Amino acid sequence: MRNCVVLCKPKTKTCKILQIVKVDGKILKLTAPITVKELLVNFSGLGVAVSKRASQYLPPTYELKIGKKYYLFPCPNTTGFIINPVQASSTVETEQDGGVKRIKVVITRQQLQELLKKQLSVEDVVSGMERGKNSSSVEAPSTFWRPRLEPIPEGSE
């Protein structure tokens, strides 16, 4: 009898999938090639690198290839800011050529319902956002809501 060694490579779908490892460790799987610019539309403030060490970020025109693994890292040149979801806030992108502004606004459910009922205009929401910028974003601890607690009787009274 003779010994036969067969090298078999299991069929995996990883060669047909573009894997992107997010900052939190979750893996985003894509089935089509995509450019870095198209990917970063959904991930602001992040950059794409080829290795786990973000020594150099890929340029926006670079096309991410199927079968490869890429990593998302925070960009050191962008400054992060905290958005208060109660107040209207926005991210504004301006195109150099056309002068078009794209505004993303975070509003409360109540403001959304008023917008849908046409009781509140978009201008009111944007002006509310401007007022939110002028006021202090850090409130005094006394203005935070606290529950009203009743005293609990101890023992047999």
N, C-alpha and C. Protein backbone atom coordinates (compact mmCIF):
# COMPACT_ATOMS: atom_id res chain seq x y z
N MET A 1 0.82 -1.17 0.00
CA MET A 1 0.00 0.00 0.00
C MET A 1 0.87 1.24 0.00
N ARG A 2 0.36 2.22 -0.64
CA ARG A 2 1.09 3.46 -0.71
C ARG A 2 0.31 4.54 0.02
N ASN A 3 1.06 5.46 0.57
CA ASN A 3 0.43 6.61 1.24
C ASN A 3 0.24 7.72 0.23
N CYS A 4 -0.89 8.30 0.27
CA CYS A 4 -1.20 9.39 -0.64
C CYS A 4 -1.58 10.61 0.16
N VAL A 5 -0.91 11.68 -0.10
CA VAL A 5 -1.22 12.93 0.58
C VAL A 5 -1.82 13.88 -0.45
N VAL A 6 -3.00 14.31 -0.15
CA VAL A 6 -3.68 15.23 -1.04
C VAL A 6 -3.82 16.57 -0.32
N LEU A 7 -3.30 17.56 -0.95
CA LEU A 7 -3.46 18.89 -0.39
C LEU A 7 -4.75 19.48 -0.93
N CYS A 8 -5.63 19.73 -0.03
CA CYS A 8 -6.88 20.32 -0.47
C CYS A 8 -7.06 21.66 0.22
N LYS A 9 -7.48 22.57 -0.54
CA LYS A 9 -7.73 23.90 -0.03
C LYS A 9 -9.24 24.08 0.05
N PRO A 10 -9.78 24.27 1.25
CA PRO A 10 -11.23 24.41 1.35
C PRO A 10 -11.69 25.67 0.62
N LYS A 11 -12.83 25.54 0.00
CA LYS A 11 -13.38 26.68 -0.72
C LYS A 11 -13.94 27.67 0.28
N THR A 12 -13.41 28.85 0.24
CA THR A 12 -13.92 29.90 1.12
C THR A 12 -14.39 31.06 0.28
N LYS A 13 -15.29 31.79 0.84
CA LYS A 13 -15.83 32.94 0.13
C LYS A 13 -15.00 34.19 0.40
N THR A 14 -13.95 34.07 1.22
CA THR A 14 -13.16 35.25 1.54
C THR A 14 -12.44 35.81 0.33
N CYS A 15 -12.16 34.97 -0.66
CA CYS A 15 -11.48 35.48 -1.85
C CYS A 15 -12.41 36.32 -2.71
N LYS A 16 -13.72 36.21 -2.50
CA LYS A 16 -14.69 36.98 -3.27
C LYS A 16 -15.29 38.13 -2.46
N ILE A 17 -14.72 38.37 -1.27
CA ILE A 17 -15.28 39.38 -0.37
C ILE A 17 -14.20 40.39 0.01
N LEU A 18 -14.56 41.63 0.00
CA LEU A 18 -13.71 42.71 0.47
C LEU A 18 -14.03 42.92 1.94
N GLN A 19 -13.04 42.75 2.82
CA GLN A 19 -13.27 42.87 4.25
C GLN A 19 -12.70 44.18 4.77
N ILE A 20 -13.52 44.88 5.56
CA ILE A 20 -13.10 46.13 6.17
C ILE A 20 -13.32 46.00 7.67
N VAL A 21 -12.23 46.06 8.43
CA VAL A 21 -12.30 45.93 9.88
C VAL A 21 -12.51 47.32 10.47
N LYS A 22 -13.63 47.49 11.17
CA LYS A 22 -13.97 48.78 11.77
C LYS A 22 -13.17 49.00 13.04
N VAL A 23 -13.29 50.18 13.62
CA VAL A 23 -12.57 50.55 14.83
C VAL A 23 -12.98 49.66 15.99
N ASP A 24 -14.27 49.29 16.06
CA ASP A 24 -14.77 48.46 17.15
C ASP A 24 -14.48 46.97 16.95
N GLY A 25 -13.82 46.59 15.86
CA GLY A 25 -13.46 45.20 15.61
C GLY A 25 -14.43 44.44 14.73
N LYS A 26 -15.58 45.01 14.45
CA LYS A 26 -16.55 44.35 13.59
C LYS A 26 -16.06 44.41 12.15
N ILE A 27 -16.43 43.39 11.37
CA ILE A 27 -15.97 43.30 9.99
C ILE A 27 -17.11 43.62 9.05
N LEU A 28 -16.87 44.57 8.17
CA LEU A 28 -17.82 44.95 7.13
C LEU A 28 -17.41 44.20 5.87
N LYS A 29 -18.35 43.45 5.29
CA LYS A 29 -18.04 42.64 4.11
C LYS A 29 -18.74 43.23 2.89
N LEU A 30 -17.97 43.46 1.84
CA LEU A 30 -18.49 43.99 0.59
C LEU A 30 -18.17 43.01 -0.53
N THR A 31 -19.04 42.94 -1.52
CA THR A 31 -18.84 42.00 -2.62
C THR A 31 -18.36 42.68 -3.89
N ALA A 32 -18.25 43.99 -3.89
CA ALA A 32 -17.80 44.72 -5.07
C ALA A 32 -16.68 45.68 -4.67
N PRO A 33 -15.75 45.95 -5.59
CA PRO A 33 -14.70 46.92 -5.26
C PRO A 33 -15.29 48.31 -5.05
N ILE A 34 -14.63 49.08 -4.21
CA ILE A 34 -15.11 50.41 -3.86
C ILE A 34 -13.90 51.30 -3.63
N THR A 35 -14.04 52.58 -3.90
CA THR A 35 -12.93 53.50 -3.63
C THR A 35 -12.98 53.94 -2.17
N VAL A 36 -11.84 54.43 -1.70
CA VAL A 36 -11.76 54.89 -0.31
C VAL A 36 -12.72 56.04 -0.07
N LYS A 37 -12.85 56.93 -1.05
CA LYS A 37 -13.74 58.09 -0.91
C LYS A 37 -15.19 57.64 -0.74
N GLU A 38 -15.63 56.64 -1.53
CA GLU A 38 -17.00 56.14 -1.43
C GLU A 38 -17.24 55.46 -0.08
N LEU A 39 -16.23 54.78 0.45
CA LEU A 39 -16.36 54.10 1.74
C LEU A 39 -16.45 55.11 2.88
N LEU A 40 -15.62 56.14 2.82
CA LEU A 40 -15.55 57.09 3.93
C LEU A 40 -16.71 58.06 3.98
N VAL A 41 -17.63 58.00 3.01
CA VAL A 41 -18.84 58.81 3.08
C VAL A 41 -19.64 58.41 4.32
N ASN A 42 -19.64 57.12 4.65
CA ASN A 42 -20.38 56.62 5.81
C ASN A 42 -19.57 56.67 7.10
N PHE A 43 -18.26 56.87 7.00
CA PHE A 43 -17.39 56.86 8.18
C PHE A 43 -16.58 58.15 8.21
N SER A 44 -17.16 59.21 8.74
CA SER A 44 -16.44 60.49 8.78
C SER A 44 -15.41 60.47 9.90
N GLY A 45 -14.29 61.12 9.66
CA GLY A 45 -13.23 61.20 10.66
C GLY A 45 -12.34 59.98 10.71
N LEU A 46 -12.52 59.04 9.78
CA LEU A 46 -11.72 57.83 9.76
C LEU A 46 -10.89 57.77 8.49
N GLY A 47 -9.84 56.95 8.54
CA GLY A 47 -9.01 56.70 7.38
C GLY A 47 -8.87 55.21 7.16
N VAL A 48 -8.47 54.81 5.96
CA VAL A 48 -8.34 53.39 5.60
C VAL A 48 -6.86 53.06 5.47
N ALA A 49 -6.44 51.94 6.09
CA ALA A 49 -5.06 51.48 6.00
C ALA A 49 -5.05 50.02 5.58
N VAL A 50 -3.89 49.57 5.08
CA VAL A 50 -3.75 48.20 4.61
C VAL A 50 -3.43 47.25 5.76
N SER A 51 -2.74 47.74 6.79
CA SER A 51 -2.35 46.89 7.91
C SER A 51 -2.99 47.37 9.21
N LYS A 52 -2.81 46.57 10.26
CA LYS A 52 -3.37 46.94 11.57
C LYS A 52 -2.70 48.17 12.14
N ARG A 53 -1.48 48.42 11.72
CA ARG A 53 -0.78 49.63 12.15
C ARG A 53 -1.05 50.72 11.12
N ALA A 54 -1.68 51.75 11.55
CA ALA A 54 -2.07 52.82 10.63
C ALA A 54 -0.90 53.77 10.41
N SER A 55 0.17 53.27 9.79
CA SER A 55 1.33 54.11 9.54
C SER A 55 1.08 55.07 8.38
N GLN A 56 0.31 54.61 7.39
CA GLN A 56 0.02 55.46 6.24
C GLN A 56 -1.39 55.14 5.75
N TYR A 57 -2.18 56.19 5.55
CA TYR A 57 -3.55 56.02 5.09
C TYR A 57 -3.59 55.97 3.57
N LEU A 58 -4.57 55.26 3.04
CA LEU A 58 -4.73 55.17 1.59
C LEU A 58 -5.35 56.46 1.05
N PRO A 59 -4.97 56.88 -0.16
CA PRO A 59 -5.55 58.10 -0.74
C PRO A 59 -7.01 57.88 -1.11
N PRO A 60 -7.80 58.94 -1.23
CA PRO A 60 -9.24 58.81 -1.53
C PRO A 60 -9.53 58.15 -2.88
N THR A 61 -8.60 58.22 -3.82
CA THR A 61 -8.84 57.65 -5.14
C THR A 61 -8.47 56.18 -5.22
N TYR A 62 -7.88 55.63 -4.17
CA TYR A 62 -7.44 54.23 -4.17
C TYR A 62 -8.65 53.30 -4.20
N GLU A 63 -8.61 52.29 -5.05
CA GLU A 63 -9.71 51.34 -5.15
C GLU A 63 -9.41 50.12 -4.27
N LEU A 64 -10.31 49.84 -3.34
CA LEU A 64 -10.17 48.68 -2.46
C LEU A 64 -10.52 47.43 -3.26
N LYS A 65 -9.65 46.43 -3.20
CA LYS A 65 -9.78 45.27 -4.06
C LYS A 65 -10.44 44.09 -3.34
N ILE A 66 -11.15 43.28 -4.11
CA ILE A 66 -11.81 42.08 -3.60
C ILE A 66 -10.75 41.08 -3.13
N GLY A 67 -11.01 40.41 -2.01
CA GLY A 67 -10.10 39.42 -1.48
C GLY A 67 -9.08 39.98 -0.50
N LYS A 68 -9.05 41.28 -0.32
CA LYS A 68 -8.11 41.92 0.59
C LYS A 68 -8.83 42.36 1.85
N LYS A 69 -8.05 42.62 2.89
CA LYS A 69 -8.59 43.10 4.17
C LYS A 69 -8.00 44.48 4.44
N TYR A 70 -8.87 45.42 4.78
CA TYR A 70 -8.47 46.79 5.07
C TYR A 70 -8.96 47.16 6.47
N TYR A 71 -8.35 48.18 7.04
CA TYR A 71 -8.65 48.58 8.41
C TYR A 71 -9.03 50.06 8.47
N LEU A 72 -10.06 50.37 9.25
CA LEU A 72 -10.48 51.76 9.48
C LEU A 72 -9.85 52.26 10.77
N PHE A 73 -9.24 53.44 10.71
CA PHE A 73 -8.61 54.05 11.87
C PHE A 73 -9.01 55.52 11.95
N PRO A 74 -9.04 56.09 13.16
CA PRO A 74 -9.30 57.52 13.28
C PRO A 74 -8.14 58.31 12.67
N CYS A 75 -8.46 59.36 11.94
CA CYS A 75 -7.43 60.21 11.33
C CYS A 75 -6.92 61.19 12.37
N PRO A 76 -5.61 61.34 12.49
CA PRO A 76 -5.07 62.28 13.48
C PRO A 76 -5.26 63.74 13.08
N ASN A 77 -5.46 64.03 11.79
CA ASN A 77 -5.55 65.41 11.36
C ASN A 77 -6.95 65.99 11.47
N THR A 78 -7.95 65.16 11.78
CA THR A 78 -9.30 65.69 11.95
C THR A 78 -9.59 65.83 13.43
N THR A 79 -10.30 66.87 13.77
CA THR A 79 -10.64 67.09 15.17
C THR A 79 -12.05 66.61 15.41
N GLY A 80 -12.21 65.81 16.43
CA GLY A 80 -13.53 65.30 16.76
C GLY A 80 -14.28 66.30 17.61
N PHE A 81 -15.59 66.23 17.56
CA PHE A 81 -16.41 67.08 18.40
C PHE A 81 -17.61 66.29 18.85
N ILE A 82 -18.17 66.69 19.97
CA ILE A 82 -19.30 65.99 20.55
C ILE A 82 -20.58 66.65 20.08
N ILE A 83 -21.49 65.83 19.61
CA ILE A 83 -22.77 66.34 19.13
C ILE A 83 -23.83 66.05 20.18
N ASN A 84 -24.56 67.07 20.60
CA ASN A 84 -25.65 66.90 21.54
C ASN A 84 -26.90 66.58 20.73
N PRO A 85 -27.46 65.34 20.84
CA PRO A 85 -28.59 64.98 20.00
C PRO A 85 -29.88 65.72 20.33
N VAL A 86 -29.98 66.35 21.50
CA VAL A 86 -31.20 67.07 21.84
C VAL A 86 -31.30 68.36 21.03
N GLN A 87 -30.17 69.04 20.89
CA GLN A 87 -30.17 70.26 20.08
C GLN A 87 -29.92 69.87 18.64
N ALA A 88 -30.37 70.67 17.71
CA ALA A 88 -30.11 70.42 16.30
C ALA A 88 -28.65 70.71 16.04
N SER A 89 -27.99 69.81 15.34
CA SER A 89 -26.60 70.00 15.01
C SER A 89 -26.38 69.55 13.59
N SER A 90 -25.26 69.93 13.03
CA SER A 90 -25.07 69.62 11.62
C SER A 90 -23.61 69.42 11.28
N THR A 91 -23.42 68.82 10.13
CA THR A 91 -22.13 68.73 9.50
C THR A 91 -22.30 69.36 8.13
N VAL A 92 -21.50 70.35 7.82
CA VAL A 92 -21.68 71.08 6.57
C VAL A 92 -20.50 70.78 5.66
N GLU A 93 -20.82 70.38 4.43
CA GLU A 93 -19.81 70.16 3.42
C GLU A 93 -20.08 71.14 2.28
N THR A 94 -19.06 71.85 1.85
CA THR A 94 -19.23 72.82 0.77
C THR A 94 -18.37 72.41 -0.41
N GLU A 95 -18.99 72.39 -1.59
CA GLU A 95 -18.23 72.12 -2.80
C GLU A 95 -17.60 73.42 -3.26
N GLN A 96 -16.35 73.36 -3.72
CA GLN A 96 -15.62 74.55 -4.13
C GLN A 96 -16.23 75.17 -5.38
N ASP A 97 -16.62 74.36 -6.37
CA ASP A 97 -17.05 74.87 -7.66
C ASP A 97 -18.46 75.45 -7.61
N GLY A 98 -19.43 74.66 -7.18
CA GLY A 98 -20.82 75.07 -7.28
C GLY A 98 -21.32 75.89 -6.12
N GLY A 99 -20.64 75.89 -4.98
CA GLY A 99 -21.11 76.60 -3.83
C GLY A 99 -22.32 75.95 -3.19
N VAL A 100 -22.50 74.65 -3.41
CA VAL A 100 -23.64 73.93 -2.86
C VAL A 100 -23.28 73.46 -1.46
N LYS A 101 -24.22 73.63 -0.53
CA LYS A 101 -24.00 73.16 0.83
C LYS A 101 -24.85 71.94 1.09
N ARG A 102 -24.24 70.94 1.68
CA ARG A 102 -24.96 69.74 2.09
C ARG A 102 -24.94 69.72 3.60
N ILE A 103 -26.10 69.71 4.21
CA ILE A 103 -26.20 69.80 5.66
C ILE A 103 -26.88 68.55 6.20
N LYS A 104 -26.23 67.92 7.16
CA LYS A 104 -26.85 66.80 7.87
C LYS A 104 -27.29 67.33 9.22
N VAL A 105 -28.55 67.17 9.54
CA VAL A 105 -29.11 67.73 10.76
C VAL A 105 -29.62 66.60 11.65
N VAL A 106 -29.25 66.64 12.92
CA VAL A 106 -29.76 65.69 13.90
C VAL A 106 -30.81 66.42 14.72
N ILE A 107 -32.04 65.90 14.69
CA ILE A 107 -33.14 66.55 15.40
C ILE A 107 -33.85 65.53 16.29
N THR A 108 -34.67 66.04 17.19
CA THR A 108 -35.44 65.16 18.07
C THR A 108 -36.65 64.62 17.32
N ARG A 109 -37.28 63.62 17.89
CA ARG A 109 -38.49 63.05 17.27
C ARG A 109 -39.61 64.07 17.19
N GLN A 110 -39.71 64.89 18.23
CA GLN A 110 -40.77 65.90 18.25
C GLN A 110 -40.56 66.91 17.12
N GLN A 111 -39.33 67.34 16.90
CA GLN A 111 -39.05 68.26 15.80
C GLN A 111 -39.34 67.61 14.46
N LEU A 112 -39.04 66.32 14.33
CA LEU A 112 -39.32 65.60 13.09
C LEU A 112 -40.82 65.53 12.83
N GLN A 113 -41.59 65.24 13.87
CA GLN A 113 -43.04 65.19 13.71
C GLN A 113 -43.60 66.56 13.31
N GLU A 114 -43.07 67.63 13.91
CA GLU A 114 -43.52 68.97 13.56
C GLU A 114 -43.14 69.32 12.12
N LEU A 115 -41.96 68.86 11.69
CA LEU A 115 -41.56 69.09 10.30
C LEU A 115 -42.49 68.37 9.34
N LEU A 116 -42.83 67.12 9.68
CA LEU A 116 -43.69 66.35 8.80
C LEU A 116 -45.11 66.90 8.77
N LYS A 117 -45.56 67.49 9.86
CA LYS A 117 -46.89 68.10 9.91
C LYS A 117 -46.87 69.52 9.35
N LYS A 118 -45.71 69.99 8.95
CA LYS A 118 -45.51 71.35 8.42
C LYS A 118 -45.78 72.43 9.46
N GLN A 119 -45.68 72.08 10.74
CA GLN A 119 -45.82 73.09 11.78
C GLN A 119 -44.49 73.81 12.01
N LEU A 120 -43.41 73.17 11.60
CA LEU A 120 -42.08 73.72 11.81
C LEU A 120 -41.36 73.71 10.47
N SER A 121 -40.76 74.81 10.10
CA SER A 121 -40.06 74.87 8.81
C SER A 121 -38.59 74.47 9.00
N VAL A 122 -37.95 74.16 7.90
CA VAL A 122 -36.54 73.78 7.94
C VAL A 122 -35.71 74.97 8.42
N GLU A 123 -36.12 76.17 8.07
CA GLU A 123 -35.41 77.37 8.51
C GLU A 123 -35.43 77.50 10.03
N ASP A 124 -36.57 77.13 10.65
CA ASP A 124 -36.67 77.17 12.11
C ASP A 124 -35.69 76.20 12.75
N VAL A 125 -35.55 75.02 12.15
CA VAL A 125 -34.63 74.02 12.69
C VAL A 125 -33.20 74.52 12.58
N VAL A 126 -32.85 75.10 11.43
CA VAL A 126 -31.49 75.60 11.23
C VAL A 126 -31.22 76.79 12.14
N SER A 127 -32.20 77.67 12.33
CA SER A 127 -32.00 78.80 13.24
C SER A 127 -31.87 78.31 14.68
N GLY A 128 -32.58 77.25 15.03
CA GLY A 128 -32.43 76.65 16.35
C GLY A 128 -31.05 76.07 16.53
N MET A 129 -30.48 75.55 15.44
CA MET A 129 -29.13 75.02 15.48
C MET A 129 -28.14 76.15 15.74
N GLU A 130 -28.34 77.29 15.09
CA GLU A 130 -27.46 78.43 15.29
C GLU A 130 -27.54 78.94 16.72
N ARG A 131 -28.75 78.97 17.29
CA ARG A 131 -28.89 79.38 18.69
C ARG A 131 -28.19 78.41 19.61
N GLY A 132 -28.19 77.12 19.25
CA GLY A 132 -27.51 76.12 20.06
C GLY A 132 -26.01 76.31 20.05
N LYS A 133 -25.46 76.82 18.94
CA LYS A 133 -24.02 77.07 18.87
C LYS A 133 -23.64 78.24 19.75
N ASN A 134 -24.50 79.25 19.82
CA ASN A 134 -24.19 80.45 20.59
C ASN A 134 -24.26 80.20 22.09
N SER A 135 -25.15 79.33 22.52
CA SER A 135 -25.27 79.05 23.94
C SER A 135 -24.20 78.07 24.36
N SER A 136 -23.96 78.01 25.64
CA SER A 136 -22.95 77.11 26.16
C SER A 136 -23.40 75.67 26.00
N SER A 137 -22.49 74.82 25.50
CA SER A 137 -22.86 73.42 25.29
C SER A 137 -22.76 72.61 26.57
N VAL A 138 -22.07 73.15 27.59
CA VAL A 138 -21.96 72.45 28.86
C VAL A 138 -22.90 73.12 29.84
N GLU A 139 -23.87 72.36 30.30
CA GLU A 139 -24.85 72.91 31.22
C GLU A 139 -24.39 72.72 32.65
N ALA A 140 -24.88 73.57 33.53
CA ALA A 140 -24.56 73.44 34.94
C ALA A 140 -25.20 72.18 35.49
N PRO A 141 -24.55 71.53 36.47
CA PRO A 141 -25.10 70.28 37.01
C PRO A 141 -26.48 70.45 37.63
N SER A 142 -26.84 71.66 38.05
CA SER A 142 -28.15 71.85 38.68
C SER A 142 -29.29 71.79 37.67
N THR A 143 -29.00 71.96 36.37
CA THR A 143 -30.06 71.95 35.37
C THR A 143 -30.40 70.56 34.87
N PHE A 144 -29.62 69.55 35.23
CA PHE A 144 -29.92 68.19 34.79
C PHE A 144 -31.14 67.66 35.53
N TRP A 145 -31.92 66.83 34.86
CA TRP A 145 -33.11 66.26 35.44
C TRP A 145 -32.73 65.21 36.48
N ARG A 146 -33.40 65.24 37.60
CA ARG A 146 -33.20 64.22 38.64
C ARG A 146 -34.57 63.75 39.09
N PRO A 147 -34.70 62.46 39.38
CA PRO A 147 -36.00 61.96 39.81
C PRO A 147 -36.32 62.44 41.22
N ARG A 148 -37.60 62.63 41.47
CA ARG A 148 -38.04 63.01 42.80
C ARG A 148 -38.27 61.72 43.58
N LEU A 149 -37.50 61.50 44.63
CA LEU A 149 -37.57 60.27 45.39
C LEU A 149 -38.31 60.50 46.70
N GLU A 150 -39.18 59.57 47.01
CA GLU A 150 -39.91 59.61 48.27
C GLU A 150 -39.08 58.85 49.31
N PRO A 151 -39.11 59.28 50.57
CA PRO A 151 -38.37 58.54 51.60
C PRO A 151 -39.00 57.17 51.83
N ILE A 152 -38.14 56.18 52.06
CA ILE A 152 -38.60 54.82 52.29
C ILE A 152 -38.61 54.57 53.80
N PRO A 153 -39.77 54.20 54.36
CA PRO A 153 -39.82 53.94 55.81
C PRO A 153 -39.05 52.67 56.15
N GLU A 154 -38.29 52.74 57.23
CA GLU A 154 -37.51 51.58 57.65
C GLU A 154 -38.15 50.99 58.91
N GLY A 155 -38.12 49.67 59.00
CA GLY A 155 -38.66 49.00 60.18
C GLY A 155 -40.16 49.08 60.23
N SER A 156 -40.74 48.86 61.42
CA SER A 156 -42.19 48.90 61.58
C SER A 156 -42.58 50.24 62.17
N GLU A 157 -43.12 51.08 61.38
CA GLU A 157 -43.54 52.41 61.85
C GLU A 157 -45.02 52.58 61.71
